[in-house]
Amino acid sequence: MDYSEAADRISRKYQKSGQAVDVKKIEGKLRRLVDEFGVQPSEAERSVINELNKEFNIPAAGSPAGGGRAGGANEQKRIADAAPGDWVTFEAKVVALSAPASPSIAQSGILADESGAIRFVVWAKSNAPKMSEGSWYRIESAVVDEFKGVPSLKVHSGTTIREIGEDRSLIPTPLPIKDLHPGIGGVRAKVVQEWDASHERMLQSGLLGDETGTIKFVIWKEPGKEKLKVGAVYSIFYAQVDEFNGRLSLNLNAATIMQEDAEIAVSGGESAVRGAIVHIAPGSGIIKRCPVEGCNRALSRQNYCPVHEIQPKFVYDLRIKGWLDDGEKTHNILLQRDATEALTGITLDAAKEIAENNPLGMDEVFLRMRDAILGRYIVCHGREIDGRLLVNKCEKVTFDSGEHAALLNRAGGAS
């Protein structure tokens, strides 16, 4: 975009109406909108024109630039009707605030009205007034752009924010998990599993489920954030629905979460895999976990946590990491304590006694578990997430003489 040429063009048209404008000031506003805020050049021109119209009390229909939807930014819209590239005016409630991801951001969170919700970002350079969670605002001349395919509202220097002194009721409706899509959404779901934290900033991650399916969730460490209870049912509103490699996940940091005294029959997403255990990976057997609340990471042999360093008051746990071969595909499997105890026949108490009293210590537990299950045929039930089968139940396959005879007959016929 030729900022100088665009500023001069806008200036000349206002001069025809007898208005004196500062060409350098117009050029500076255009540069800021396009270079700093990523606004499309045509929309940047429209924003500057709208500001000048306000300044000179020129009706929107009489915009000297012509040819565009001048004044459109001041036409109030519903959030559900906004699309990337629009300049909009909303009356909406701040339903959640989240920690800004960058010093260039003054505020971020989620706005909602009766039609839906949208993420928003207030740039620090906009010098916009601070908004409070739970309050309603009229936000004029903000721009809707797109981040990872999801609409997002940007508040810049040309945006006007005014608090509305009233509270209007919002009744968000949760969706079935199968109907979620990238953006903002809500569910009523049960915490099915809790997983090991894969990042030092992560408070909790795991799996939520309802009658239609399951979805991964994550909560990042922020003041006031708490972990969800495994087995509990929650109504969750205004969660960020993200997509990565074709899979959806819920970011619950800005969500409204209410625990319910209820039960949900979770279904969907579970599969059964039958095959032979062909490999038991290091890190299987009895392990030590970090005792710091919200961490639960596996410790090194020296009781070292990558986040909280040496932890002498560790907590013991059991797991099996390995490969299950069904004859056509090798599955990466992970068994937590209950499934590990059931499959190996070694309880956590027995494993602790072995680890603390045997010369080989924790290695002895690993060897005994490996000898008990390596090469055995089993059926694993669980959900496949990110290429790994998270096993919640498994059984050993018993020898079937009839099946063996059928295989021999088939082999004989082939020869």
Protein backbone atom coordinates (compact mmCIF):
# COMPACT_ATOMS: atom_id res chain seq x y z
CA MET A 1 0.00 0.00 0.00
CA ASP A 2 1.27 3.47 -0.91
CA TYR A 3 0.44 5.28 2.36
CA SER A 4 1.42 8.70 1.04
CA GLU A 5 -0.76 8.39 -2.06
CA ALA A 6 -3.75 7.07 -0.04
CA ALA A 7 -3.43 9.85 2.55
CA ASP A 8 -3.21 12.48 -0.18
CA ARG A 9 -6.30 11.07 -1.94
CA ILE A 10 -8.35 11.15 1.28
CA SER A 11 -7.10 14.66 2.07
CA ARG A 12 -8.06 16.08 -1.35
CA LYS A 13 -11.60 14.79 -1.12
CA TYR A 14 -12.12 16.39 2.29
CA GLN A 15 -10.57 19.63 1.04
CA LYS A 16 -13.27 19.76 -1.66
CA SER A 17 -15.79 19.93 1.19
CA GLY A 18 -13.87 22.82 2.72
CA GLN A 19 -12.26 20.73 5.48
CA ALA A 20 -8.56 21.06 6.28
CA VAL A 21 -6.89 17.78 7.25
CA ASP A 22 -3.34 16.85 8.22
CA VAL A 23 -1.99 14.55 5.48
CA LYS A 24 0.88 13.28 7.69
CA LYS A 25 -1.58 12.43 10.47
CA ILE A 26 -3.75 10.44 8.05
CA GLU A 27 -0.68 8.61 6.72
CA GLY A 28 0.42 7.75 10.27
CA LYS A 29 -3.00 6.29 11.13
CA LEU A 30 -3.01 4.18 7.96
CA ARG A 31 0.48 2.83 8.71
CA ARG A 32 -0.44 1.96 12.28
CA LEU A 33 -3.62 0.12 11.30
CA VAL A 34 -1.98 -1.88 8.52
CA ASP A 35 1.53 -2.48 9.89
CA GLU A 36 0.83 -2.88 13.60
CA PHE A 37 -2.68 -4.33 13.64
CA GLY A 38 -2.72 -6.28 10.40
CA VAL A 39 -5.82 -4.48 9.06
CA GLN A 40 -6.57 -4.80 5.35
CA PRO A 41 -5.63 -1.55 3.47
CA SER A 42 -9.20 -0.94 2.24
CA GLU A 43 -10.56 -1.37 5.77
CA ALA A 44 -7.84 0.90 7.16
CA GLU A 45 -8.93 3.65 4.75
CA ARG A 46 -12.55 3.10 5.77
CA SER A 47 -11.63 3.42 9.46
CA VAL A 48 -9.78 6.70 8.91
CA ILE A 49 -12.68 8.04 6.84
CA ASN A 50 -15.17 7.10 9.57
CA GLU A 51 -13.05 8.97 12.15
CA LEU A 52 -12.90 12.06 9.95
CA ASN A 53 -16.65 11.88 9.31
CA LYS A 54 -17.20 11.93 13.08
CA GLU A 55 -14.74 14.79 13.54
CA PHE A 56 -16.42 16.97 10.88
CA ASN A 57 -20.01 15.80 11.60
CA ILE A 58 -20.40 14.47 8.08
CA PRO A 59 -23.25 11.90 7.68
CA ALA A 60 -22.06 8.41 6.79
CA ALA A 61 -23.90 8.41 3.47
CA GLY A 62 -22.01 11.55 2.48
CA SER A 63 -18.57 10.06 2.86
CA PRO A 64 -16.27 11.89 0.43
CA ALA A 65 -14.32 8.76 -0.40
CA GLY A 66 -17.41 6.99 -1.73
CA GLY A 67 -17.53 3.47 -3.09
CA GLY A 68 -17.51 1.64 0.23
CA ARG A 69 -19.90 0.75 3.02
CA ALA A 70 -19.02 3.97 4.82
CA GLY A 71 -20.27 4.17 8.37
CA GLY A 72 -20.77 0.37 8.47
CA ALA A 73 -18.57 0.16 11.53
CA ASN A 74 -21.19 2.10 13.50
CA GLU A 75 -24.06 -0.19 12.56
CA GLN A 76 -24.68 -2.45 15.55
CA LYS A 77 -24.33 -6.15 14.82
CA ARG A 78 -24.88 -9.41 16.61
CA ILE A 79 -21.70 -11.35 17.37
CA ALA A 80 -22.99 -14.34 15.40
CA ASP A 81 -23.29 -12.18 12.25
CA ALA A 82 -19.70 -10.88 12.32
CA ALA A 83 -17.21 -12.21 9.79
CA PRO A 84 -13.46 -11.69 9.31
CA GLY A 85 -12.82 -8.37 7.58
CA ASP A 86 -15.86 -6.64 9.09
CA TRP A 87 -15.68 -3.38 10.99
CA VAL A 88 -18.32 -3.70 13.66
CA THR A 89 -20.11 -2.24 16.64
CA PHE A 90 -21.19 -4.67 19.36
CA GLU A 91 -23.07 -4.42 22.61
CA ALA A 92 -21.69 -7.35 24.54
CA LYS A 93 -20.73 -8.66 27.95
CA VAL A 94 -17.19 -9.50 29.02
CA VAL A 95 -17.79 -13.08 30.15
CA ALA A 96 -14.13 -13.93 30.70
CA LEU A 97 -10.71 -12.31 30.89
CA SER A 98 -7.46 -14.18 30.34
CA ALA A 99 -3.82 -13.34 30.92
CA PRO A 100 -2.41 -11.43 27.91
CA ALA A 101 0.05 -13.50 25.91
CA SER A 102 2.27 -10.52 25.05
CA PRO A 103 3.25 -7.10 26.48
CA SER A 104 1.74 -5.56 23.33
CA ILE A 105 -1.69 -6.75 24.49
CA ALA A 106 -3.51 -4.82 27.22
CA GLN A 107 -6.46 -7.20 27.64
CA SER A 108 -7.80 -10.39 26.11
CA GLY A 109 -10.78 -12.59 26.79
CA ILE A 110 -14.25 -13.41 25.52
CA LEU A 111 -17.23 -11.20 24.68
CA ALA A 112 -20.77 -12.59 24.44
CA ASP A 113 -24.26 -11.47 23.50
CA GLU A 114 -27.51 -13.39 23.05
CA SER A 115 -26.34 -14.72 19.67
CA GLY A 116 -22.91 -16.11 20.55
CA ALA A 117 -19.39 -15.30 21.72
CA ILE A 118 -16.07 -14.17 20.26
CA ARG A 119 -12.48 -13.83 21.45
CA PHE A 120 -11.17 -10.30 21.74
CA VAL A 121 -7.81 -8.57 22.01
CA VAL A 122 -7.20 -4.99 23.16
CA TRP A 123 -3.86 -3.69 21.90
CA ALA A 124 -1.77 -1.80 24.46
CA LYS A 125 -1.17 1.05 21.99
CA SER A 126 -4.90 1.64 21.64
CA ASN A 127 -5.02 3.27 25.11
CA ALA A 128 -8.54 1.86 25.47
CA PRO A 129 -10.26 1.92 28.87
CA LYS A 130 -9.98 -1.26 30.92
CA MET A 131 -13.01 -3.52 30.74
CA SER A 132 -14.25 -5.52 33.73
CA GLU A 133 -15.39 -9.13 33.70
CA GLY A 134 -19.18 -9.34 34.07
CA SER A 135 -19.89 -5.86 32.66
CA TRP A 136 -21.63 -4.85 29.41
CA TYR A 137 -20.04 -2.49 26.90
CA ARG A 138 -20.79 -0.80 23.61
CA ILE A 139 -17.72 -1.29 21.43
CA GLU A 140 -17.70 0.82 18.27
CA SER A 141 -15.47 0.56 15.18
CA ALA A 142 -13.56 -2.60 16.13
CA VAL A 143 -12.27 -4.93 13.46
CA VAL A 144 -12.92 -8.66 13.13
CA ASP A 145 -9.96 -10.65 11.85
CA GLU A 146 -9.07 -14.32 11.81
CA PHE A 147 -6.63 -16.37 13.88
CA LYS A 148 -6.18 -20.05 13.01
CA GLY A 149 -9.46 -19.94 11.12
CA VAL A 150 -11.42 -18.50 14.07
CA PRO A 151 -12.91 -14.95 14.16
CA SER A 152 -11.32 -12.62 16.71
CA LEU A 153 -12.20 -9.02 17.61
CA LYS A 154 -9.38 -6.47 17.66
CA VAL A 155 -9.69 -3.20 19.61
CA HIS A 156 -7.36 -0.55 18.17
CA SER A 157 -6.81 3.20 18.49
CA GLY A 158 -9.90 4.00 16.43
CA THR A 159 -12.23 1.93 18.62
CA THR A 160 -14.58 3.54 21.13
CA ILE A 161 -15.57 1.64 24.31
CA ARG A 162 -18.41 2.74 26.56
CA GLU A 163 -19.79 0.81 29.54
CA ILE A 164 -23.52 0.10 29.50
CA GLY A 165 -25.05 0.56 32.94
CA GLU A 166 -27.28 -2.50 32.83
CA ASP A 167 -27.06 -6.26 33.05
CA ARG A 168 -28.84 -8.34 30.44
CA SER A 169 -29.39 -12.04 30.96
CA LEU A 170 -27.38 -14.47 28.85
CA ILE A 171 -28.40 -18.11 28.68
CA PRO A 172 -25.66 -20.01 26.84
CA THR A 173 -26.60 -23.46 25.58
CA PRO A 174 -24.07 -26.32 25.77
CA LEU A 175 -23.47 -28.35 22.63
CA PRO A 176 -22.94 -32.10 22.24
CA ILE A 177 -19.20 -32.73 21.93
CA LYS A 178 -19.69 -34.11 18.41
CA ASP A 179 -21.16 -30.76 17.29
CA LEU A 180 -18.30 -28.54 18.53
CA HIS A 181 -16.33 -26.52 15.98
CA PRO A 182 -13.41 -24.08 16.22
CA GLY A 183 -14.33 -20.88 18.02
CA ILE A 184 -16.12 -20.52 21.36
CA GLY A 185 -18.33 -23.29 22.69
CA GLY A 186 -19.80 -24.95 25.73
CA VAL A 187 -20.38 -28.54 26.82
CA ARG A 188 -21.87 -30.53 29.66
CA ALA A 189 -19.37 -33.32 30.15
CA LYS A 190 -17.63 -35.73 32.51
CA VAL A 191 -13.91 -35.73 33.24
CA VAL A 192 -12.97 -39.16 31.93
CA GLN A 193 -9.19 -39.10 32.31
CA GLU A 194 -6.37 -36.93 33.63
CA TRP A 195 -3.04 -37.07 31.80
CA ASP A 196 0.53 -36.30 32.73
CA ALA A 197 1.30 -32.61 32.22
CA SER A 198 3.40 -32.22 29.06
CA HIS A 199 4.46 -28.62 29.68
CA GLU A 200 5.66 -26.76 32.77
CA ARG A 201 2.96 -24.10 32.29
CA MET A 202 0.20 -26.70 32.15
CA LEU A 203 -1.97 -27.12 35.24
CA GLN A 204 -4.03 -30.03 33.93
CA SER A 205 -4.91 -31.86 30.76
CA GLY A 206 -7.15 -34.82 30.11
CA LEU A 207 -10.27 -36.07 28.43
CA LEU A 208 -13.88 -34.87 28.69
CA GLY A 209 -16.78 -37.01 27.49
CA ASP A 210 -20.53 -36.94 27.01
CA GLU A 211 -23.12 -39.18 25.33
CA THR A 212 -21.81 -38.23 21.86
CA GLY A 213 -18.03 -38.48 22.16
CA THR A 214 -14.87 -37.26 23.85
CA ILE A 215 -12.53 -34.27 23.55
CA LYS A 216 -9.15 -33.27 24.99
CA PHE A 217 -9.06 -30.36 27.44
CA VAL A 218 -6.26 -28.24 28.91
CA ILE A 219 -6.01 -25.70 31.75
CA TRP A 220 -2.92 -23.49 31.87
CA LYS A 221 -1.45 -22.20 35.10
CA GLU A 222 -2.96 -18.84 36.06
CA PRO A 223 -3.87 -17.35 39.44
CA GLY A 224 -7.15 -18.79 40.70
CA LYS A 225 -7.26 -21.72 38.29
CA GLU A 226 -8.07 -25.13 39.79
CA LYS A 227 -7.93 -28.68 38.48
CA LEU A 228 -11.09 -30.58 37.55
CA LYS A 229 -11.95 -33.77 39.42
CA VAL A 230 -11.78 -37.04 37.52
CA GLY A 231 -15.24 -38.61 37.39
CA ALA A 232 -17.07 -35.33 38.06
CA VAL A 233 -19.56 -33.72 35.68
CA TYR A 234 -19.23 -30.05 34.72
CA SER A 235 -21.19 -27.50 32.73
CA ILE A 236 -18.59 -25.50 30.82
CA PHE A 237 -19.42 -22.27 28.96
CA TYR A 238 -17.33 -19.97 26.77
CA ALA A 239 -14.43 -22.37 26.32
CA GLN A 240 -12.02 -21.84 23.45
CA VAL A 241 -12.37 -24.64 20.90
CA ASP A 242 -9.04 -25.03 19.13
CA GLU A 243 -8.05 -27.26 16.24
CA PHE A 244 -4.65 -28.86 15.64
CA ASN A 245 -3.91 -31.53 13.04
CA GLY A 246 -7.60 -32.09 12.50
CA ARG A 247 -8.35 -32.70 16.20
CA LEU A 248 -10.36 -30.40 18.44
CA SER A 249 -9.45 -29.50 22.01
CA LEU A 250 -10.90 -27.23 24.70
CA ASN A 251 -8.88 -24.48 26.38
CA LEU A 252 -10.70 -23.91 29.68
CA ASN A 253 -8.72 -20.92 31.02
CA ALA A 254 -11.33 -18.35 30.06
CA ALA A 255 -14.32 -20.65 30.53
CA THR A 256 -17.11 -20.49 33.10
CA ILE A 257 -17.14 -23.87 34.88
CA MET A 258 -19.82 -25.21 37.22
CA GLN A 259 -19.67 -28.64 38.85
CA GLU A 260 -22.90 -30.63 38.85
CA ASP A 261 -24.20 -33.39 41.07
CA ALA A 262 -24.97 -35.66 38.15
CA GLU A 263 -23.77 -38.61 36.09
CA ILE A 264 -23.15 -38.95 32.35
CA ALA A 265 -22.89 -42.18 30.39
CA VAL A 266 -19.86 -41.41 28.23
CA SER A 267 -19.78 -43.10 24.86
CA GLY A 268 -18.07 -42.74 21.54
CA GLY A 269 -14.41 -42.80 20.66
CA GLU A 270 -13.61 -46.05 22.49
CA SER A 271 -12.13 -48.98 20.61
CA ALA A 272 -10.84 -52.45 21.36
CA VAL A 273 -7.49 -53.63 19.99
CA ARG A 274 -6.39 -57.26 20.10
CA GLY A 275 -2.79 -58.31 19.63
CA ALA A 276 0.52 -59.27 21.18
CA ILE A 277 2.65 -57.08 23.41
CA VAL A 278 5.90 -56.90 21.48
CA HIS A 279 7.74 -54.20 23.45
CA ILE A 280 7.77 -52.76 26.98
CA ALA A 281 9.28 -49.28 26.90
CA PRO A 282 11.62 -47.73 29.49
CA GLY A 283 9.66 -45.75 32.04
CA SER A 284 7.30 -48.68 32.63
CA GLY A 285 6.80 -50.43 35.94
CA ILE A 286 6.91 -48.48 39.18
CA ILE A 287 7.68 -44.78 38.83
CA LYS A 288 7.97 -41.76 41.09
CA ARG A 289 5.82 -38.68 40.58
CA CYS A 290 6.26 -35.09 41.69
CA PRO A 291 4.11 -34.44 44.81
CA VAL A 292 3.65 -30.70 44.13
CA GLU A 293 -0.05 -30.00 43.66
CA GLY A 294 -0.97 -29.66 40.02
CA CYS A 295 2.28 -31.22 38.70
CA ASN A 296 2.22 -35.06 38.82
CA ARG A 297 5.21 -35.33 36.43
CA ALA A 298 7.30 -38.49 36.43
CA LEU A 299 10.61 -37.96 38.24
CA SER A 300 14.06 -39.08 37.16
CA ARG A 301 15.98 -41.72 39.08
CA GLN A 302 17.50 -38.91 41.12
CA ASN A 303 13.98 -37.74 42.12
CA TYR A 304 14.35 -34.70 39.88
CA CYS A 305 11.30 -32.87 38.50
CA PRO A 306 12.01 -30.67 35.45
CA VAL A 307 9.84 -27.94 37.02
CA HIS A 308 10.18 -28.32 40.81
CA GLU A 309 13.69 -29.87 40.95
CA ILE A 310 14.60 -32.42 43.66
CA GLN A 311 11.54 -33.96 45.34
CA PRO A 312 12.48 -36.33 48.18
CA LYS A 313 8.82 -36.78 49.21
CA PHE A 314 7.80 -38.36 45.91
CA VAL A 315 4.66 -40.40 45.24
CA TYR A 316 4.84 -43.91 43.76
CA ASP A 317 2.71 -44.93 40.77
CA LEU A 318 2.46 -47.74 38.21
CA ARG A 319 2.21 -47.65 34.43
CA ILE A 320 3.02 -49.64 31.30
CA LYS A 321 4.24 -47.99 28.09
CA GLY A 322 4.67 -50.29 25.13
CA TRP A 323 3.66 -51.55 21.72
CA LEU A 324 0.78 -53.86 20.85
CA ASP A 325 0.93 -55.58 17.45
CA ASP A 326 -2.38 -56.75 15.95
CA GLY A 327 -0.73 -58.39 12.92
CA GLU A 328 -1.36 -55.41 10.65
CA LYS A 329 -0.48 -52.38 12.78
CA THR A 330 1.63 -51.64 15.84
CA HIS A 331 -0.22 -49.57 18.45
CA ASN A 332 1.48 -47.30 20.98
CA ILE A 333 -0.26 -48.11 24.28
CA LEU A 334 -0.27 -46.55 27.75
CA LEU A 335 -1.73 -48.33 30.78
CA GLN A 336 -2.23 -46.42 34.03
CA ARG A 337 -2.16 -47.97 37.49
CA ASP A 338 -5.48 -49.85 37.56
CA ALA A 339 -4.98 -51.53 34.17
CA THR A 340 -1.32 -52.26 34.97
CA GLU A 341 -2.20 -53.99 38.25
CA ALA A 342 -4.92 -56.06 36.58
CA LEU A 343 -2.71 -57.15 33.67
CA THR A 344 0.54 -57.89 35.53
CA GLY A 345 -0.91 -59.14 38.82
CA ILE A 346 1.47 -56.81 40.70
CA THR A 347 -0.18 -54.24 42.96
CA LEU A 348 1.32 -50.87 43.83
CA ASP A 349 1.99 -52.02 47.42
CA ALA A 350 3.78 -55.15 46.17
CA ALA A 351 5.80 -53.10 43.68
CA LYS A 352 6.86 -50.66 46.43
CA GLU A 353 8.06 -53.53 48.61
CA ILE A 354 10.09 -54.97 45.72
CA ALA A 355 11.58 -51.58 44.82
CA GLU A 356 12.61 -50.81 48.39
CA ASN A 357 13.95 -54.25 49.40
CA ASN A 358 15.38 -55.85 46.24
CA PRO A 359 19.00 -55.14 45.19
CA LEU A 360 17.81 -54.13 41.70
CA GLY A 361 15.19 -51.81 43.15
CA MET A 362 12.77 -50.35 40.61
CA ASP A 363 14.48 -52.30 37.79
CA GLU A 364 13.31 -55.53 39.41
CA VAL A 365 9.67 -54.38 39.14
CA PHE A 366 10.20 -53.54 35.48
CA LEU A 367 11.73 -56.97 34.78
CA ARG A 368 8.98 -58.88 36.58
CA MET A 369 6.25 -56.97 34.73
CA ARG A 370 8.02 -57.45 31.42
CA ASP A 371 8.35 -61.20 31.99
CA ALA A 372 4.69 -61.42 32.96
CA ILE A 373 3.22 -59.78 29.86
CA LEU A 374 5.79 -59.54 27.02
CA GLY A 375 4.62 -61.67 24.10
CA ARG A 376 1.19 -62.26 25.64
CA TYR A 377 -1.94 -61.78 23.60
CA ILE A 378 -4.35 -59.30 25.12
CA VAL A 379 -7.36 -57.13 24.28
CA CYS A 380 -7.00 -53.45 25.18
CA HIS A 381 -10.01 -51.13 25.51
CA GLY A 382 -9.47 -47.39 25.37
CA ARG A 383 -9.36 -44.21 23.31
CA GLU A 384 -6.73 -43.33 20.75
CA ILE A 385 -5.49 -39.76 21.27
CA ASP A 386 -2.59 -38.26 19.31
CA GLY A 387 -1.44 -41.66 18.05
CA ARG A 388 -1.49 -43.39 21.45
CA LEU A 389 -4.11 -45.80 22.80
CA LEU A 390 -4.97 -44.73 26.36
CA VAL A 391 -6.02 -48.04 27.89
CA ASN A 392 -8.66 -48.15 30.62
CA LYS A 393 -9.15 -51.93 30.65
CA CYS A 394 -7.46 -54.98 29.19
CA GLU A 395 -7.80 -58.76 29.35
CA LYS A 396 -5.52 -61.64 28.46
CA VAL A 397 -6.62 -63.74 25.48
CA THR A 398 -7.02 -67.43 26.34
CA PHE A 399 -5.92 -70.20 24.02
CA ASP A 400 -8.69 -71.38 21.66
CA SER A 401 -7.92 -74.84 20.29
CA GLY A 402 -10.66 -74.54 17.66
CA GLU A 403 -9.17 -71.33 16.33
CA HIS A 404 -5.73 -72.94 16.28
CA ALA A 405 -7.07 -75.89 14.25
CA ALA A 406 -8.75 -73.52 11.78
CA LEU A 407 -5.46 -71.72 11.26
CA LEU A 408 -3.62 -75.00 10.60
CA ASN A 409 -6.29 -76.11 8.12
CA ARG A 410 -6.10 -72.79 6.32
CA ALA A 411 -2.31 -73.06 6.14
CA GLY A 412 -2.56 -76.61 4.84
CA GLY A 413 -5.01 -75.58 2.15
CA ALA A 414 -2.70 -72.82 1.00
CA SER A 415 0.11 -75.28 0.40
